[in-house]
């Protein structure tokens, strides 16, 4: 499954075009390497998502076969770290 589709289906990012923009902007890394939206994700991959005000690290536990029910989304990833970043407004 494509990275941008995985992010959308698991609700880590609300919309697929936003996931693509984050990838194109170098804000998402897969296994420590800047990722592209079209990269395939696999079980065991580690993602780092930089949202500007926070950085989230997740491990992929499984790849959904298609659309995912809201209640089942979290069985496909586990948050392994979260860091609040300086927003620059100080």
N, C-alpha and C. Protein backbone atom coordinates (compact mmCIF):
# COMPACT_ATOMS: atom_id res chain seq x y z
N UNK A 1 0.85 -1.17 0.00
CA UNK A 1 0.00 0.00 0.00
C UNK A 1 0.90 1.24 0.00
N UNK A 2 0.48 2.26 -0.74
CA UNK A 2 1.21 3.52 -0.79
C UNK A 2 1.20 4.20 0.58
N UNK A 3 2.26 4.91 0.87
CA UNK A 3 2.38 5.61 2.14
C UNK A 3 1.25 6.62 2.33
N UNK A 4 0.96 7.42 1.31
CA UNK A 4 -0.10 8.43 1.47
C UNK A 4 -1.46 7.79 1.73
N UNK A 5 -1.72 6.66 1.11
CA UNK A 5 -2.99 5.96 1.33
C UNK A 5 -3.03 5.38 2.76
N UNK A 6 -1.91 4.82 3.22
CA UNK A 6 -1.86 4.29 4.58
C UNK A 6 -2.12 5.38 5.61
N UNK A 7 -1.50 6.54 5.42
CA UNK A 7 -1.69 7.65 6.36
C UNK A 7 -3.14 8.08 6.41
N UNK A 8 -3.79 8.13 5.26
CA UNK A 8 -5.20 8.53 5.20
C UNK A 8 -6.10 7.46 5.82
N UNK A 9 -5.89 6.20 5.44
CA UNK A 9 -6.78 5.14 5.90
C UNK A 9 -6.70 4.91 7.40
N UNK A 10 -5.53 5.16 7.98
CA UNK A 10 -5.39 4.98 9.43
C UNK A 10 -5.63 6.27 10.20
N UNK A 11 -5.96 7.34 9.49
CA UNK A 11 -6.28 8.65 10.06
C UNK A 11 -5.10 9.31 10.77
N UNK A 12 -3.89 8.92 10.43
CA UNK A 12 -2.73 9.64 10.93
C UNK A 12 -2.69 11.03 10.29
N UNK A 13 -3.21 11.12 9.06
CA UNK A 13 -3.38 12.38 8.35
C UNK A 13 -4.82 12.37 7.83
N UNK A 14 -5.50 13.50 7.94
CA UNK A 14 -6.94 13.51 7.61
C UNK A 14 -7.25 13.33 6.12
N UNK A 15 -6.39 13.86 5.26
CA UNK A 15 -6.68 13.77 3.82
C UNK A 15 -5.43 13.33 3.06
N UNK A 16 -5.65 12.54 2.00
CA UNK A 16 -4.54 12.01 1.22
C UNK A 16 -3.72 13.11 0.55
N UNK A 17 -4.33 14.17 0.00
CA UNK A 17 -3.50 15.24 -0.59
C UNK A 17 -2.59 15.91 0.44
N UNK A 18 -3.03 15.98 1.69
CA UNK A 18 -2.19 16.55 2.74
C UNK A 18 -1.02 15.61 3.02
N UNK A 19 -1.29 14.31 3.03
CA UNK A 19 -0.21 13.33 3.22
C UNK A 19 0.82 13.46 2.11
N UNK A 20 0.36 13.66 0.89
CA UNK A 20 1.28 13.83 -0.25
C UNK A 20 2.10 15.10 -0.08
N UNK A 21 1.47 16.19 0.33
CA UNK A 21 2.21 17.44 0.56
C UNK A 21 3.26 17.28 1.65
N UNK A 22 2.92 16.58 2.72
CA UNK A 22 3.90 16.34 3.79
C UNK A 22 5.08 15.53 3.27
N UNK A 23 4.81 14.51 2.47
CA UNK A 23 5.88 13.70 1.88
C UNK A 23 6.74 14.54 0.94
N UNK A 24 6.10 15.30 0.06
CA UNK A 24 6.82 16.13 -0.90
C UNK A 24 7.68 17.19 -0.19
N UNK A 25 7.25 17.61 0.98
CA UNK A 25 7.97 18.62 1.74
C UNK A 25 9.04 18.03 2.66
N UNK A 26 9.25 16.72 2.60
CA UNK A 26 10.28 16.08 3.40
C UNK A 26 9.92 15.97 4.87
N UNK A 27 8.64 16.02 5.19
CA UNK A 27 8.18 15.99 6.57
C UNK A 27 7.88 14.59 7.10
N UNK A 28 7.98 13.58 6.24
CA UNK A 28 7.72 12.21 6.66
C UNK A 28 8.92 11.35 6.28
N UNK A 29 9.37 10.58 7.25
CA UNK A 29 10.49 9.66 7.01
C UNK A 29 10.02 8.23 7.27
N UNK A 30 10.52 7.31 6.47
CA UNK A 30 10.23 5.89 6.65
C UNK A 30 11.54 5.18 6.91
N UNK A 31 11.66 4.57 8.06
CA UNK A 31 12.88 3.88 8.47
C UNK A 31 14.10 4.80 8.39
N UNK A 32 13.91 6.06 8.78
CA UNK A 32 15.00 7.01 8.85
C UNK A 32 15.36 7.71 7.56
N UNK A 33 14.65 7.42 6.48
CA UNK A 33 14.91 8.03 5.17
C UNK A 33 13.68 8.82 4.74
N UNK A 34 13.91 10.02 4.22
CA UNK A 34 12.79 10.84 3.75
C UNK A 34 11.96 10.02 2.76
N UNK A 35 10.66 9.99 2.99
CA UNK A 35 9.76 9.13 2.21
C UNK A 35 9.05 9.89 1.11
N UNK A 36 8.66 9.15 0.09
CA UNK A 36 7.82 9.68 -0.98
C UNK A 36 6.42 9.13 -0.79
N UNK A 37 5.44 9.86 -1.30
CA UNK A 37 4.04 9.46 -1.15
C UNK A 37 3.77 8.08 -1.75
N UNK A 38 4.48 7.74 -2.82
CA UNK A 38 4.24 6.48 -3.52
C UNK A 38 5.00 5.30 -2.93
N UNK A 39 5.82 5.53 -1.91
CA UNK A 39 6.57 4.43 -1.29
C UNK A 39 5.62 3.40 -0.71
N UNK A 40 5.97 2.12 -0.88
CA UNK A 40 5.18 1.05 -0.28
C UNK A 40 5.52 0.92 1.19
N UNK A 41 4.51 0.75 2.03
CA UNK A 41 4.74 0.53 3.45
C UNK A 41 4.51 -0.95 3.76
N UNK A 42 5.25 -1.42 4.76
CA UNK A 42 5.15 -2.81 5.17
C UNK A 42 5.11 -2.89 6.69
N UNK A 43 4.64 -4.00 7.16
CA UNK A 43 4.62 -4.26 8.59
C UNK A 43 6.05 -4.14 9.12
N UNK A 44 6.20 -3.45 10.25
CA UNK A 44 7.51 -3.28 10.85
C UNK A 44 8.19 -1.97 10.49
N UNK A 45 7.71 -1.28 9.45
CA UNK A 45 8.28 0.02 9.08
C UNK A 45 8.04 1.01 10.21
N UNK A 46 8.99 1.92 10.37
CA UNK A 46 8.85 3.00 11.36
C UNK A 46 8.73 4.32 10.62
N UNK A 47 7.71 5.07 10.96
CA UNK A 47 7.46 6.36 10.34
C UNK A 47 7.71 7.48 11.34
N UNK A 48 8.27 8.57 10.86
CA UNK A 48 8.40 9.78 11.65
C UNK A 48 7.64 10.87 10.90
N UNK A 49 6.65 11.45 11.55
CA UNK A 49 5.82 12.48 10.94
C UNK A 49 6.07 13.80 11.64
N UNK A 50 6.48 14.80 10.89
CA UNK A 50 6.76 16.13 11.42
C UNK A 50 5.60 17.04 11.02
N UNK A 51 4.74 17.37 12.02
CA UNK A 51 3.57 18.20 11.75
C UNK A 51 3.83 19.68 12.01
N UNK A 52 5.07 20.04 12.27
CA UNK A 52 5.40 21.44 12.53
C UNK A 52 5.44 21.75 14.01
N UNK A 53 4.34 21.51 14.71
CA UNK A 53 4.31 21.77 16.15
C UNK A 53 4.55 20.52 16.98
N UNK A 54 4.51 19.36 16.32
CA UNK A 54 4.84 18.13 17.02
C UNK A 54 5.39 17.11 16.04
N UNK A 55 6.19 16.20 16.59
CA UNK A 55 6.77 15.12 15.80
C UNK A 55 6.28 13.81 16.41
N UNK A 56 5.76 12.93 15.57
CA UNK A 56 5.19 11.67 16.03
C UNK A 56 5.94 10.53 15.34
N UNK A 57 6.31 9.52 16.13
CA UNK A 57 6.93 8.32 15.60
C UNK A 57 5.97 7.16 15.79
N UNK A 58 5.77 6.39 14.72
CA UNK A 58 4.87 5.24 14.79
C UNK A 58 5.54 4.03 14.15
N UNK A 59 5.11 2.86 14.61
CA UNK A 59 5.52 1.61 14.00
C UNK A 59 4.30 1.00 13.33
N UNK A 60 4.46 0.53 12.11
CA UNK A 60 3.35 -0.08 11.38
C UNK A 60 3.19 -1.53 11.86
N UNK A 61 2.01 -1.85 12.37
CA UNK A 61 1.72 -3.20 12.86
C UNK A 61 1.08 -4.06 11.79
N UNK A 62 0.51 -3.45 10.79
CA UNK A 62 -0.13 -4.17 9.71
C UNK A 62 -0.59 -3.19 8.65
N UNK A 63 -0.81 -3.72 7.45
CA UNK A 63 -1.28 -2.89 6.35
C UNK A 63 -2.73 -3.25 6.07
N UNK A 64 -3.63 -2.28 6.15
CA UNK A 64 -5.06 -2.58 5.94
C UNK A 64 -5.32 -3.00 4.49
N UNK A 65 -6.27 -3.91 4.29
CA UNK A 65 -6.58 -4.37 2.94
C UNK A 65 -7.40 -3.36 2.13
N UNK A 66 -7.98 -2.39 2.79
CA UNK A 66 -8.83 -1.40 2.12
C UNK A 66 -9.26 -0.38 3.13
N UNK A 67 -10.49 0.10 3.00
CA UNK A 67 -11.01 1.06 3.96
C UNK A 67 -11.05 0.46 5.36
N UNK A 68 -10.78 1.31 6.35
CA UNK A 68 -10.69 0.85 7.73
C UNK A 68 -11.75 1.55 8.57
N UNK A 69 -12.47 0.77 9.36
CA UNK A 69 -13.45 1.34 10.27
C UNK A 69 -12.73 2.17 11.32
N UNK A 70 -13.37 3.22 11.78
CA UNK A 70 -12.77 4.12 12.75
C UNK A 70 -12.28 3.37 14.00
N UNK A 71 -13.05 2.43 14.47
CA UNK A 71 -12.70 1.69 15.68
C UNK A 71 -11.51 0.76 15.47
N UNK A 72 -11.20 0.41 14.23
CA UNK A 72 -10.13 -0.56 13.95
C UNK A 72 -8.83 0.10 13.51
N UNK A 73 -8.79 1.41 13.37
CA UNK A 73 -7.61 2.09 12.82
C UNK A 73 -6.35 1.86 13.63
N UNK A 74 -6.48 1.91 14.94
CA UNK A 74 -5.28 1.85 15.78
C UNK A 74 -4.64 0.46 15.84
N UNK A 75 -5.27 -0.55 15.28
CA UNK A 75 -4.63 -1.86 15.27
C UNK A 75 -3.59 -1.97 14.15
N UNK A 76 -3.50 -0.94 13.31
CA UNK A 76 -2.54 -0.96 12.21
C UNK A 76 -1.28 -0.16 12.50
N UNK A 77 -1.22 0.56 13.61
CA UNK A 77 -0.02 1.29 13.98
C UNK A 77 0.05 1.47 15.49
N UNK A 78 1.26 1.71 15.97
CA UNK A 78 1.48 1.98 17.39
C UNK A 78 2.36 3.21 17.50
N UNK A 79 1.93 4.18 18.28
CA UNK A 79 2.74 5.38 18.51
C UNK A 79 3.88 4.99 19.45
N UNK A 80 5.12 5.22 18.99
CA UNK A 80 6.29 4.85 19.79
C UNK A 80 6.96 6.08 20.40
N UNK A 81 6.60 7.25 19.92
CA UNK A 81 7.17 8.47 20.48
C UNK A 81 6.43 9.69 19.99
N UNK A 82 6.41 10.71 20.84
CA UNK A 82 5.74 11.97 20.48
C UNK A 82 6.50 13.10 21.14
N UNK A 83 6.81 14.12 20.36
CA UNK A 83 7.59 15.24 20.87
C UNK A 83 6.93 16.55 20.44
N UNK A 84 6.67 17.40 21.41
CA UNK A 84 6.12 18.72 21.09
C UNK A 84 7.29 19.62 20.67
N UNK A 85 7.13 20.30 19.55
CA UNK A 85 8.17 21.17 19.02
C UNK A 85 7.84 22.62 19.31
N UNK A 86 8.86 23.45 19.36
CA UNK A 86 8.67 24.89 19.57
C UNK A 86 7.92 25.46 18.38
N UNK A 87 6.85 26.20 18.66
CA UNK A 87 6.05 26.76 17.58
C UNK A 87 6.58 28.11 17.08
N UNK A 88 7.60 28.65 17.74
CA UNK A 88 8.22 29.90 17.29
C UNK A 88 7.50 31.15 17.71
N UNK A 89 6.48 31.03 18.56
CA UNK A 89 5.70 32.20 18.96
C UNK A 89 6.14 32.76 20.30
N UNK A 90 7.24 32.31 20.83
CA UNK A 90 7.71 32.80 22.14
C UNK A 90 8.37 34.14 22.06
